[in-house]
Amino acid sequence: MHFQERTLSQAPVVMKLKGSSREHTVTLPQAEPQAPKEQPLAAWSPQTPELPRSRRFARAIDSSRDLLHRIKDEVGAPGIVVGVSVDGKEVWSEGLGYADVENRVPCKPETVMRIASISKSLTMVALAKLWEAGKLDLDIPVQHYVPEFPEKEYEGEKVSVTTRLLISHLSGIRHYEKDMKKVKEEKAYKALKMKETMESDQEKELKEKGGKSNERNDFAKAKVEQDNEAKGRNSKPVKKKNDFEQGELYLREKFENSIESLRLFKNDPLFFKPGSQFLYSTFGYSLLAAIVERASGYKYLDYMQKIFHDLDMLTTVQEENEPVIYNRARFYVYNKKKRLVNTPYVDNSYKWAGGGFLSTVGDLLKFGNAMLYGYQVGLFKNSNENLLPGYLKPETMVMIWTPVPNTEMSWDKEGKYAMAWGVVEKKQTYGSCRKQRHYASHTGGAVGASSVLLILPEELDAESINKKVPPRGIVVSIICNMQSVGLNSTALKIALEFDKDRSDLP
């Protein structure tokens, strides 16, 4: 620590001495005021000095921390970790609660947790690299790469399953629910409800345009609506089990490679004709892992580790029980008596590609920014020729983040599934009303874990492209050691908070 020399002078000070009722005047040394040391003038700059990151986003951090505390308390999660980056720079990461309840180990930014289905987005990078290199054709039957997977028929007709259909969950391959009838009934029921909602909205719109209807027509419409509701209640399907009630989610068997894991589902019939309907399937990604192996010539995990090394994701690994993994959290669930308990042991080797990786919020931010950079760098190339290429080409990222017809995004009904990402497109229907921002995200749910990675690209204009460099936007990652915690809407709220703070800066 540096101290300046000071000249002392005498100055009278009035004080009351201990044990005396009389005041005495004494003289104490005091520092003489010194003229401030002359500072050299800094070079003039037209730019406003940049505030430290913690101060720039202090409001957004406080607001987001409060939101996470509320979510954590509401669901009873032992621990939760969040990370946020703005324009490629990490501005906030923090852990709340406990990574290990029994040993009172607090969560911190370095805490390692299951990322569940965000693993699908990681696998997509491997597939995209192989496609860019000309080693993988997305549109030929998968048997070209994996002859061990049998050719399929649907209702007596020979059908083709391709890599592209597998990526977007349009292959017809089942998820954890094995009962085809239950799945089809549920899909039909959801389609009926959606149709009724759309028809109801159309009727309201027509009524607003046409003015008042007469009472007889109103009565007739009300009767029809009541009949439809009754039919809907009567046609409600037998409730299928949720994923966490399915036995296959708790497999303890270790599979040596991706080909071996195919025996879990390869001989099961397709639930739908490929390309006709969306059916989310983690097993489809087990088949994709086998395709990566055959197209690359490497074991799936070896190929993924090379990608993690390239992306500087040094704490991201496949989940295995034996290795010592520093900062690994424990995972929890509430039992039937509503008591917090440890989750049972599971072996995720059958689904590395679809939900078997461990990571940190910091690594997920790096991954998100690499994807955002690749998505935007093509826009900036004309104004800045010195920019490095993205890990994936701009046209590849545009393909990956383009919504695919006939798909669904279960964690945000406004969006569609693309290629291993859910995507919501920019939309505004009315002036001075709700504005829907464009973003891409993927959520995850595993035994004792929930996760989300969300990317909110900046809305770029010509001026921004000329003066800035990618990546431009907000990336949010949240991981939690409790299952069945919906985190996408929370991540979106946090991203918008940080986007607001950035927009408010001069």
Protein backbone atom coordinates (compact mmCIF):
# COMPACT_ATOMS: atom_id res chain seq x y z
CA MET A 1 0.00 0.00 0.00
CA HIS A 2 1.33 3.46 -0.90
CA PHE A 3 1.22 6.34 1.63
CA GLN A 4 1.86 10.04 0.89
CA GLU A 5 4.04 12.11 3.28
CA ARG A 6 2.08 14.78 5.19
CA THR A 7 3.30 17.90 7.09
CA LEU A 8 1.84 18.13 10.61
CA SER A 9 0.71 21.45 12.17
CA GLN A 10 -0.66 22.33 15.62
CA ALA A 11 -4.39 22.98 16.02
CA PRO A 12 -6.45 23.41 19.21
CA VAL A 13 -9.09 20.74 19.94
CA VAL A 14 -11.66 20.91 22.75
CA MET A 15 -12.32 17.60 24.55
CA LYS A 16 -13.57 16.33 27.91
CA LEU A 17 -11.02 14.25 29.79
CA LYS A 18 -12.09 11.00 31.45
CA GLY A 19 -12.93 11.43 35.16
CA SER A 20 -13.34 15.21 34.88
CA SER A 21 -16.44 17.36 34.42
CA ARG A 22 -14.40 20.27 33.04
CA GLU A 23 -13.49 20.89 29.44
CA HIS A 24 -9.81 21.37 28.54
CA THR A 25 -8.22 22.76 25.48
CA VAL A 26 -5.37 20.64 24.14
CA THR A 27 -3.27 20.85 21.07
CA LEU A 28 -3.07 17.86 18.74
CA PRO A 29 -1.10 17.46 15.54
CA GLN A 30 -3.21 17.79 12.39
CA ALA A 31 -2.41 17.16 8.79
CA GLU A 32 -2.06 20.25 6.66
CA PRO A 33 -4.12 20.13 3.50
CA GLN A 34 -1.96 19.50 0.47
CA ALA A 35 -2.59 20.54 -3.06
CA PRO A 36 -3.67 17.57 -5.12
CA LYS A 37 -0.90 15.93 -7.05
CA GLU A 38 -0.98 16.93 -10.67
CA GLN A 39 -2.12 14.06 -12.90
CA PRO A 40 -1.01 13.73 -16.52
CA LEU A 41 -3.81 14.38 -18.97
CA ALA A 42 -5.20 11.27 -20.63
CA ALA A 43 -5.44 11.16 -24.40
CA TRP A 44 -8.80 12.55 -25.51
CA SER A 45 -11.29 9.93 -26.63
CA PRO A 46 -14.74 10.44 -28.14
CA GLN A 47 -15.97 7.34 -26.30
CA THR A 48 -17.51 7.43 -22.85
CA PRO A 49 -15.28 5.64 -20.29
CA GLU A 50 -16.52 2.10 -19.69
CA LEU A 51 -17.80 1.34 -16.21
CA PRO A 52 -16.64 -1.84 -14.44
CA ARG A 53 -18.89 -4.73 -15.45
CA SER A 54 -20.24 -5.30 -11.94
CA ARG A 55 -21.37 -1.66 -11.77
CA ARG A 56 -22.71 -1.54 -15.31
CA PHE A 57 -25.07 -4.44 -14.65
CA ALA A 58 -25.65 -4.01 -10.89
CA ARG A 59 -29.40 -3.50 -11.29
CA ALA A 60 -29.78 -6.54 -13.57
CA ILE A 61 -27.70 -8.70 -11.21
CA ASP A 62 -29.75 -7.69 -8.14
CA SER A 63 -33.04 -8.24 -9.96
CA SER A 64 -31.93 -11.61 -11.38
CA ARG A 65 -30.56 -12.82 -8.05
CA ASP A 66 -33.88 -12.01 -6.39
CA LEU A 67 -35.75 -13.89 -9.14
CA LEU A 68 -33.54 -16.97 -8.70
CA HIS A 69 -34.00 -16.93 -4.93
CA ARG A 70 -37.76 -16.91 -5.45
CA ILE A 71 -37.63 -19.78 -7.97
CA LYS A 72 -35.32 -21.78 -5.69
CA ASP A 73 -37.60 -21.29 -2.68
CA GLU A 74 -40.75 -22.01 -4.69
CA VAL A 75 -39.59 -25.43 -5.93
CA GLY A 76 -37.45 -26.29 -2.90
CA ALA A 77 -34.26 -26.74 -4.93
CA PRO A 78 -31.14 -27.44 -2.82
CA GLY A 79 -28.86 -25.48 -5.16
CA ILE A 80 -28.83 -23.44 -8.33
CA VAL A 81 -26.02 -21.85 -10.34
CA VAL A 82 -26.33 -19.07 -12.92
CA GLY A 83 -23.97 -17.52 -15.45
CA VAL A 84 -24.53 -14.54 -17.77
CA SER A 85 -22.37 -13.14 -20.55
CA VAL A 86 -22.88 -9.92 -22.50
CA ASP A 87 -21.28 -9.61 -25.95
CA GLY A 88 -19.00 -12.57 -25.29
CA LYS A 89 -17.79 -11.47 -21.83
CA GLU A 90 -18.92 -13.16 -18.63
CA VAL A 91 -20.43 -10.45 -16.40
CA TRP A 92 -22.02 -12.50 -13.63
CA SER A 93 -21.83 -16.02 -12.23
CA GLU A 94 -23.04 -17.11 -8.83
CA GLY A 95 -24.20 -20.14 -6.88
CA LEU A 96 -27.16 -20.16 -4.50
CA GLY A 97 -27.83 -22.88 -1.93
CA TYR A 98 -25.99 -26.19 -1.67
CA ALA A 99 -24.22 -28.45 -4.13
CA ASP A 100 -24.04 -31.07 -1.35
CA VAL A 101 -26.67 -30.74 1.37
CA GLU A 102 -25.25 -33.44 3.66
CA ASN A 103 -21.80 -31.88 3.84
CA ARG A 104 -23.01 -28.29 3.56
CA VAL A 105 -20.97 -27.60 0.43
CA PRO A 106 -22.27 -24.37 -1.12
CA CYS A 107 -22.88 -23.93 -4.83
CA LYS A 108 -20.36 -21.75 -6.65
CA PRO A 109 -19.69 -20.85 -10.30
CA GLU A 110 -17.32 -23.85 -10.61
CA THR A 111 -19.97 -26.35 -9.46
CA VAL A 112 -20.37 -29.24 -11.94
CA MET A 113 -23.87 -30.59 -12.59
CA ARG A 114 -25.82 -32.69 -15.08
CA ILE A 115 -26.81 -30.61 -18.09
CA ALA A 116 -29.24 -33.25 -19.36
CA SER A 117 -30.67 -32.51 -22.82
CA ILE A 118 -28.37 -29.55 -23.51
CA SER A 119 -26.14 -32.50 -24.49
CA LYS A 120 -28.22 -32.68 -27.69
CA SER A 121 -27.02 -29.21 -28.72
CA LEU A 122 -23.41 -30.32 -28.11
CA THR A 123 -23.95 -33.40 -30.28
CA MET A 124 -25.31 -31.15 -33.02
CA VAL A 125 -21.90 -29.46 -33.25
CA ALA A 126 -20.28 -32.85 -34.00
CA LEU A 127 -22.86 -33.58 -36.69
CA ALA A 128 -22.46 -30.10 -38.19
CA LYS A 129 -18.65 -30.36 -38.35
CA LEU A 130 -18.93 -33.69 -40.15
CA TRP A 131 -21.52 -32.25 -42.55
CA GLU A 132 -19.32 -29.23 -43.29
CA ALA A 133 -16.38 -31.58 -43.99
CA GLY A 134 -18.47 -33.59 -46.46
CA LYS A 135 -18.29 -36.72 -44.29
CA LEU A 136 -21.99 -36.81 -43.42
CA ASP A 137 -25.08 -36.63 -45.62
CA LEU A 138 -28.05 -35.52 -43.54
CA ASP A 139 -30.66 -36.82 -45.98
CA ILE A 140 -29.76 -40.43 -46.74
CA PRO A 141 -31.06 -43.40 -44.70
CA VAL A 142 -29.19 -43.94 -41.45
CA GLN A 143 -28.44 -47.55 -42.45
CA HIS A 144 -25.75 -46.14 -44.77
CA TYR A 145 -23.73 -45.36 -41.62
CA VAL A 146 -25.24 -47.78 -39.10
CA PRO A 147 -26.41 -50.99 -40.80
CA GLU A 148 -27.03 -52.45 -37.33
CA PHE A 149 -30.16 -50.30 -37.15
CA PRO A 150 -32.88 -52.25 -39.03
CA GLU A 151 -34.90 -50.80 -41.90
CA LYS A 152 -38.35 -49.67 -40.81
CA GLU A 153 -41.94 -49.91 -41.93
CA TYR A 154 -44.96 -47.90 -40.89
CA GLU A 155 -48.42 -49.38 -41.41
CA GLY A 156 -47.01 -51.84 -43.93
CA GLU A 157 -45.15 -49.20 -45.93
CA LYS A 158 -41.36 -49.09 -46.10
CA VAL A 159 -40.12 -45.77 -44.71
CA SER A 160 -36.77 -44.01 -44.41
CA VAL A 161 -35.21 -42.56 -41.24
CA THR A 162 -32.55 -39.91 -41.95
CA THR A 163 -30.06 -38.00 -39.81
CA ARG A 164 -31.95 -34.73 -40.41
CA LEU A 165 -35.22 -36.26 -39.15
CA LEU A 166 -33.48 -37.67 -36.07
CA ILE A 167 -32.00 -34.26 -35.17
CA SER A 168 -35.41 -32.54 -35.20
CA HIS A 169 -37.31 -35.42 -33.49
CA LEU A 170 -39.32 -36.26 -36.61
CA SER A 171 -38.08 -39.84 -37.04
CA GLY A 172 -40.97 -41.57 -35.23
CA ILE A 173 -38.54 -43.33 -32.85
CA ARG A 174 -40.00 -43.58 -29.36
CA HIS A 175 -38.93 -41.72 -26.22
CA TYR A 176 -39.13 -43.37 -22.78
CA GLU A 177 -42.86 -44.19 -23.07
CA LYS A 178 -43.20 -47.61 -24.74
CA ASP A 179 -47.01 -47.64 -25.04
CA MET A 180 -47.75 -46.41 -28.57
CA LYS A 181 -51.50 -46.13 -27.89
CA LYS A 182 -51.00 -43.77 -24.94
CA VAL A 183 -48.63 -41.55 -26.93
CA LYS A 184 -50.97 -41.35 -29.93
CA GLU A 185 -54.00 -40.60 -27.72
CA GLU A 186 -52.15 -37.81 -25.97
CA LYS A 187 -50.99 -36.30 -29.29
CA ALA A 188 -54.55 -36.44 -30.67
CA TYR A 189 -55.95 -34.85 -27.53
CA LYS A 190 -53.43 -31.99 -27.66
CA ALA A 191 -54.19 -31.43 -31.35
CA LEU A 192 -57.94 -31.28 -30.59
CA LYS A 193 -57.43 -28.77 -27.80
CA MET A 194 -55.21 -26.60 -30.00
CA LYS A 195 -57.82 -26.67 -32.80
CA GLU A 196 -60.58 -25.65 -30.38
CA THR A 197 -58.45 -22.78 -29.07
CA MET A 198 -57.75 -21.53 -32.60
CA GLU A 199 -61.43 -21.74 -33.57
CA SER A 200 -62.43 -19.89 -30.41
CA ASP A 201 -59.94 -17.10 -31.17
CA GLN A 202 -61.26 -16.82 -34.74
CA GLU A 203 -64.86 -16.59 -33.49
CA LYS A 204 -63.94 -13.80 -31.08
CA GLU A 205 -62.19 -11.91 -33.87
CA LEU A 206 -65.22 -12.23 -36.17
CA LYS A 207 -67.54 -11.13 -33.38
CA GLU A 208 -65.43 -8.00 -32.77
CA LYS A 209 -65.57 -7.15 -36.46
CA GLY A 210 -69.24 -7.92 -36.94
CA GLY A 211 -70.57 -6.11 -33.87
CA LYS A 212 -73.27 -7.50 -31.58
CA SER A 213 -74.84 -10.85 -32.43
CA ASN A 214 -78.47 -11.50 -31.66
CA GLU A 215 -79.32 -13.37 -28.49
CA ARG A 216 -80.50 -16.49 -30.34
CA ASN A 217 -77.14 -16.93 -32.11
CA ASP A 218 -75.26 -16.32 -28.85
CA PHE A 219 -77.32 -18.98 -27.09
CA ALA A 220 -76.73 -21.47 -29.92
CA LYS A 221 -72.96 -20.84 -29.88
CA ALA A 222 -72.83 -21.25 -26.11
CA LYS A 223 -74.61 -24.60 -26.39
CA VAL A 224 -72.16 -25.82 -29.05
CA GLU A 225 -69.21 -24.77 -26.85
CA GLN A 226 -70.65 -26.67 -23.89
CA ASP A 227 -71.13 -29.78 -26.05
CA ASN A 228 -67.55 -29.51 -27.33
CA GLU A 229 -66.23 -29.19 -23.78
CA ALA A 230 -68.16 -32.29 -22.75
CA LYS A 231 -66.80 -34.21 -25.72
CA GLY A 232 -63.28 -33.06 -24.88
CA ARG A 233 -63.63 -34.26 -21.30
CA ASN A 234 -64.97 -37.62 -22.45
CA SER A 235 -62.21 -38.07 -25.03
CA LYS A 236 -59.41 -37.27 -22.61
CA PRO A 237 -56.75 -40.00 -23.00
CA VAL A 238 -55.47 -42.29 -20.32
CA LYS A 239 -52.80 -40.29 -18.55
CA LYS A 240 -49.37 -41.51 -19.61
CA LYS A 241 -46.49 -41.58 -17.17
CA ASN A 242 -44.14 -38.62 -17.12
CA ASP A 243 -40.48 -39.20 -17.95
CA PHE A 244 -39.47 -39.54 -14.29
CA GLU A 245 -41.88 -42.47 -13.85
CA GLN A 246 -40.29 -44.40 -16.73
CA GLY A 247 -38.00 -47.27 -15.80
CA GLU A 248 -35.48 -46.67 -18.61
CA LEU A 249 -34.56 -43.29 -17.15
CA TYR A 250 -33.03 -45.13 -14.18
CA LEU A 251 -30.90 -47.66 -16.06
CA ARG A 252 -27.81 -48.85 -14.18
CA GLU A 253 -26.33 -50.91 -17.00
CA LYS A 254 -23.07 -49.67 -18.52
CA PHE A 255 -22.90 -49.73 -22.34
CA GLU A 256 -19.45 -49.94 -23.88
CA ASN A 257 -20.31 -47.99 -27.03
CA SER A 258 -23.12 -46.30 -28.94
CA ILE A 259 -23.82 -49.32 -31.17
CA GLU A 260 -24.44 -51.50 -28.12
CA SER A 261 -26.99 -49.02 -26.68
CA LEU A 262 -29.14 -49.34 -29.82
CA ARG A 263 -30.50 -52.68 -28.60
CA LEU A 264 -32.73 -50.81 -26.15
CA PHE A 265 -35.01 -49.55 -28.94
CA LYS A 266 -33.83 -50.56 -32.42
CA ASN A 267 -36.41 -53.35 -32.84
CA ASP A 268 -39.36 -51.28 -31.57
CA PRO A 269 -41.91 -50.08 -34.14
CA LEU A 270 -42.01 -46.43 -35.20
CA PHE A 271 -44.77 -44.50 -33.46
CA PHE A 272 -45.37 -42.21 -36.46
CA LYS A 273 -44.44 -42.02 -40.12
CA PRO A 274 -41.05 -40.25 -40.35
CA GLY A 275 -41.47 -36.53 -41.05
CA SER A 276 -45.19 -36.46 -40.24
CA GLN A 277 -45.21 -35.67 -36.51
CA PHE A 278 -42.93 -34.38 -33.78
CA LEU A 279 -42.07 -36.89 -31.05
CA TYR A 280 -39.25 -35.82 -28.74
CA SER A 281 -36.83 -38.74 -28.48
CA THR A 282 -33.58 -39.04 -26.56
CA PHE A 283 -33.10 -42.50 -28.09
CA GLY A 284 -32.96 -40.82 -31.50
CA TYR A 285 -29.80 -39.10 -30.28
CA SER A 286 -28.31 -42.44 -29.18
CA LEU A 287 -28.57 -43.41 -32.85
CA LEU A 288 -27.00 -40.07 -33.83
CA ALA A 289 -24.01 -40.89 -31.58
CA ALA A 290 -23.50 -44.09 -33.56
CA ILE A 291 -23.68 -42.07 -36.80
CA VAL A 292 -20.99 -39.68 -35.48
CA GLU A 293 -18.74 -42.67 -34.74
CA ARG A 294 -19.11 -44.16 -38.20
CA ALA A 295 -18.84 -40.85 -40.10
CA SER A 296 -15.82 -39.61 -38.12
CA GLY A 297 -13.95 -42.86 -37.57
CA TYR A 298 -13.58 -42.00 -33.85
CA LYS A 299 -15.39 -43.17 -30.75
CA TYR A 300 -18.21 -40.74 -29.96
CA LEU A 301 -16.72 -39.59 -26.64
CA ASP A 302 -13.25 -39.11 -28.16
CA TYR A 303 -14.71 -36.97 -30.94
CA MET A 304 -16.71 -34.90 -28.44
CA GLN A 305 -13.65 -34.34 -26.24
CA LYS A 306 -11.82 -32.91 -29.24
CA ILE A 307 -14.73 -30.48 -29.75
CA PHE A 308 -14.75 -29.53 -26.06
CA HIS A 309 -11.01 -28.85 -26.27
CA ASP A 310 -11.50 -26.63 -29.34
CA LEU A 311 -14.29 -24.70 -27.59
CA ASP A 312 -12.20 -24.36 -24.37
CA MET A 313 -14.87 -26.26 -22.42
CA LEU A 314 -12.37 -27.83 -20.03
CA THR A 315 -14.83 -28.90 -17.31
CA THR A 316 -17.35 -30.60 -19.64
CA VAL A 317 -17.17 -34.42 -19.50
CA GLN A 318 -19.39 -37.47 -19.82
CA GLU A 319 -20.94 -38.50 -16.53
CA GLU A 320 -19.38 -41.57 -15.01
CA ASN A 321 -19.50 -42.77 -11.42
CA GLU A 322 -15.88 -43.92 -11.00
CA PRO A 323 -13.77 -40.84 -11.91
CA VAL A 324 -13.07 -38.17 -9.31
CA ILE A 325 -14.64 -35.02 -10.78
CA TYR A 326 -13.81 -31.91 -8.78
CA ASN A 327 -16.75 -29.71 -7.73
CA ARG A 328 -19.33 -32.33 -8.79
CA ALA A 329 -22.67 -31.71 -7.08
CA ARG A 330 -24.98 -34.30 -5.61
CA PHE A 331 -28.47 -34.66 -7.03
CA TYR A 332 -31.78 -34.63 -5.17
CA VAL A 333 -35.49 -35.33 -5.41
CA TYR A 334 -38.47 -35.18 -3.04
CA ASN A 335 -39.93 -38.55 -2.07
CA LYS A 336 -43.62 -39.39 -1.60
CA LYS A 337 -43.46 -37.99 1.93
CA LYS A 338 -42.14 -34.68 0.53
CA ARG A 339 -38.74 -35.24 2.12
CA LEU A 340 -35.54 -34.35 0.31
CA VAL A 341 -33.56 -37.48 -0.60
CA ASN A 342 -30.60 -38.40 -2.77
CA THR A 343 -31.49 -39.66 -6.24
CA PRO A 344 -30.77 -43.31 -7.04
CA TYR A 345 -27.63 -44.28 -8.92
CA VAL A 346 -28.02 -44.16 -12.71
CA ASP A 347 -25.68 -44.93 -15.60
CA ASN A 348 -26.14 -42.56 -18.54
CA SER A 349 -23.85 -44.38 -20.98
CA TYR A 350 -26.86 -45.35 -23.13
CA LYS A 351 -27.58 -41.67 -23.83
CA TRP A 352 -24.32 -39.70 -23.83
CA ALA A 353 -25.45 -37.78 -26.91
CA GLY A 354 -28.96 -36.98 -25.71
CA GLY A 355 -28.44 -36.29 -22.01
CA GLY A 356 -25.24 -37.67 -20.52
CA PHE A 357 -22.80 -34.77 -20.02
CA LEU A 358 -21.69 -32.81 -16.97
CA SER A 359 -20.67 -29.16 -17.18
CA THR A 360 -20.50 -25.76 -15.49
CA VAL A 361 -22.30 -22.51 -16.27
CA GLY A 362 -18.97 -21.04 -17.42
CA ASP A 363 -18.43 -23.76 -20.03
CA LEU A 364 -22.01 -23.44 -21.25
CA LEU A 365 -21.49 -19.68 -21.70
CA LYS A 366 -18.41 -20.39 -23.81
CA PHE A 367 -20.41 -22.82 -25.93
CA GLY A 368 -23.28 -20.37 -26.34
CA ASN A 369 -20.95 -17.57 -27.40
CA ALA A 370 -19.19 -19.80 -29.92
CA MET A 371 -22.59 -20.54 -31.51
CA LEU A 372 -23.60 -16.86 -31.43
CA TYR A 373 -20.28 -15.79 -32.98
CA GLY A 374 -20.70 -18.28 -35.82
CA TYR A 375 -24.27 -17.11 -36.39
CA GLN A 376 -23.30 -13.42 -36.62
CA VAL A 377 -19.78 -13.32 -38.05
CA GLY A 378 -21.00 -13.42 -41.66
CA LEU A 379 -22.82 -10.11 -41.11
CA PHE A 380 -19.65 -8.41 -39.86
CA LYS A 381 -17.20 -9.77 -42.46
CA ASN A 382 -17.70 -6.92 -44.94
CA SER A 383 -16.91 -4.23 -42.34
CA ASN A 384 -14.11 -6.12 -40.58
CA GLU A 385 -12.05 -8.48 -42.70
CA ASN A 386 -9.73 -9.36 -39.80
CA LEU A 387 -12.37 -11.35 -37.93
CA LEU A 388 -11.54 -15.02 -37.33
CA PRO A 389 -13.95 -17.62 -38.72
CA GLY A 390 -16.56 -19.13 -36.41
CA TYR A 391 -16.29 -22.71 -35.16
CA LEU A 392 -19.28 -23.41 -37.39
CA LYS A 393 -19.87 -21.52 -40.64
CA PRO A 394 -22.56 -18.78 -40.68
CA GLU A 395 -24.69 -20.73 -43.18
CA THR A 396 -24.48 -23.79 -40.92
CA MET A 397 -25.63 -21.81 -37.88
CA VAL A 398 -28.49 -20.27 -39.86
CA MET A 399 -29.59 -23.80 -40.83
CA ILE A 400 -29.33 -25.01 -37.22
CA TRP A 401 -31.39 -22.09 -35.88
CA THR A 402 -34.10 -22.19 -38.56
CA PRO A 403 -37.40 -23.58 -37.15
CA VAL A 404 -38.46 -26.87 -38.76
CA PRO A 405 -42.10 -27.44 -39.87
CA ASN A 406 -44.24 -29.94 -37.90
CA THR A 407 -42.15 -29.49 -34.74
CA GLU A 408 -42.89 -28.25 -31.22
CA MET A 409 -40.94 -26.38 -28.54
CA SER A 410 -42.35 -27.72 -25.30
CA TRP A 411 -40.64 -25.11 -23.07
CA ASP A 412 -42.02 -22.12 -25.06
CA LYS A 413 -45.21 -22.56 -27.08
CA GLU A 414 -44.29 -19.49 -29.17
CA GLY A 415 -41.40 -21.37 -30.76
CA LYS A 416 -40.54 -24.40 -32.87
CA TYR A 417 -37.80 -26.99 -32.65
CA ALA A 418 -34.97 -26.46 -35.10
CA MET A 419 -31.83 -28.64 -35.20
CA ALA A 420 -31.09 -29.55 -31.56
CA TRP A 421 -32.25 -26.09 -30.45
CA GLY A 422 -35.64 -24.56 -29.75
CA VAL A 423 -36.06 -21.26 -31.62
CA VAL A 424 -38.50 -18.39 -31.09
CA GLU A 425 -38.67 -15.92 -33.97
CA LYS A 426 -39.08 -12.15 -33.76
CA LYS A 427 -42.73 -11.09 -33.84
CA GLN A 428 -44.90 -8.11 -32.95
CA THR A 429 -48.60 -8.10 -33.83
CA TYR A 430 -49.78 -4.77 -32.41
CA GLY A 431 -48.13 -1.38 -31.97
CA SER A 432 -47.00 -0.45 -28.43
CA CYS A 433 -47.80 -4.01 -27.31
CA ARG A 434 -45.89 -7.20 -26.61
CA LYS A 435 -42.76 -7.63 -28.69
CA GLN A 436 -41.46 -11.17 -29.08
CA ARG A 437 -37.65 -11.29 -29.30
CA HIS A 438 -35.72 -13.79 -31.39
CA TYR A 439 -33.82 -16.29 -29.26
CA ALA A 440 -32.54 -19.88 -29.24
CA SER A 441 -32.46 -22.17 -26.22
CA HIS A 442 -32.44 -25.74 -24.99
CA THR A 443 -33.61 -27.01 -21.64
CA GLY A 444 -32.70 -30.22 -19.86
CA GLY A 445 -34.28 -32.55 -17.35
CA ALA A 446 -32.43 -35.52 -15.83
CA VAL A 447 -32.61 -37.57 -12.66
CA GLY A 448 -32.04 -34.93 -9.97
CA ALA A 449 -31.16 -32.12 -12.36
CA SER A 450 -32.61 -29.31 -14.49
CA SER A 451 -30.84 -26.96 -16.88
CA VAL A 452 -31.17 -24.31 -19.59
CA LEU A 453 -28.89 -22.55 -22.05
CA LEU A 454 -30.45 -19.49 -23.71
CA ILE A 455 -28.99 -17.17 -26.36
CA LEU A 456 -30.58 -13.77 -27.04
CA PRO A 457 -28.88 -12.22 -30.10
CA GLU A 458 -28.67 -8.45 -30.34
CA GLU A 459 -31.02 -6.86 -32.87
CA LEU A 460 -28.33 -5.51 -35.19
CA ASP A 461 -28.61 -2.53 -37.51
CA ALA A 462 -26.19 -1.21 -40.15
CA GLU A 463 -24.49 1.15 -37.67
CA SER A 464 -23.92 -1.65 -35.15
CA ILE A 465 -22.41 -3.89 -37.81
CA ASN A 466 -19.96 -1.17 -38.86
CA LYS A 467 -18.80 -0.28 -35.33
CA LYS A 468 -18.94 -3.54 -33.36
CA VAL A 469 -17.62 -7.09 -33.47
CA PRO A 470 -19.36 -10.40 -32.69
CA PRO A 471 -20.62 -12.02 -30.61
CA ARG A 472 -23.35 -9.48 -29.86
CA GLY A 473 -26.04 -10.58 -27.44
CA ILE A 474 -26.83 -12.09 -24.05
CA VAL A 475 -26.15 -15.72 -23.11
CA VAL A 476 -27.66 -17.19 -19.92
CA SER A 477 -26.98 -20.62 -18.43
CA ILE A 478 -28.67 -22.04 -15.33
CA ILE A 479 -28.11 -25.47 -13.77
CA CYS A 480 -29.90 -26.92 -10.75
CA ASN A 481 -29.54 -30.14 -8.71
CA MET A 482 -33.29 -30.81 -8.57
CA GLN A 483 -35.40 -32.41 -11.31
CA SER A 484 -38.57 -31.02 -12.92
CA VAL A 485 -37.65 -27.34 -12.51
CA GLY A 486 -38.71 -25.29 -15.55
CA LEU A 487 -35.95 -22.72 -16.13
CA ASN A 488 -36.46 -21.34 -19.66
CA SER A 489 -38.79 -18.46 -18.75
CA THR A 490 -36.46 -17.52 -15.88
CA ALA A 491 -33.46 -17.48 -18.22
CA LEU A 492 -35.36 -15.32 -20.72
CA LYS A 493 -36.34 -12.82 -18.01
CA ILE A 494 -32.71 -12.62 -16.87
CA ALA A 495 -31.48 -12.12 -20.45
CA LEU A 496 -33.95 -9.28 -20.98
CA GLU A 497 -32.87 -7.64 -17.70
CA PHE A 498 -29.24 -7.57 -18.83
CA ASP A 499 -30.24 -6.46 -22.31
CA LYS A 500 -32.12 -3.52 -20.75
CA ASP A 501 -29.09 -2.46 -18.67
CA ARG A 502 -26.90 -2.61 -21.75
CA SER A 503 -29.42 -0.60 -23.81
CA ASP A 504 -29.64 2.09 -21.08
CA LEU A 505 -25.90 2.75 -21.18
CA PRO A 506 -24.75 5.88 -23.03
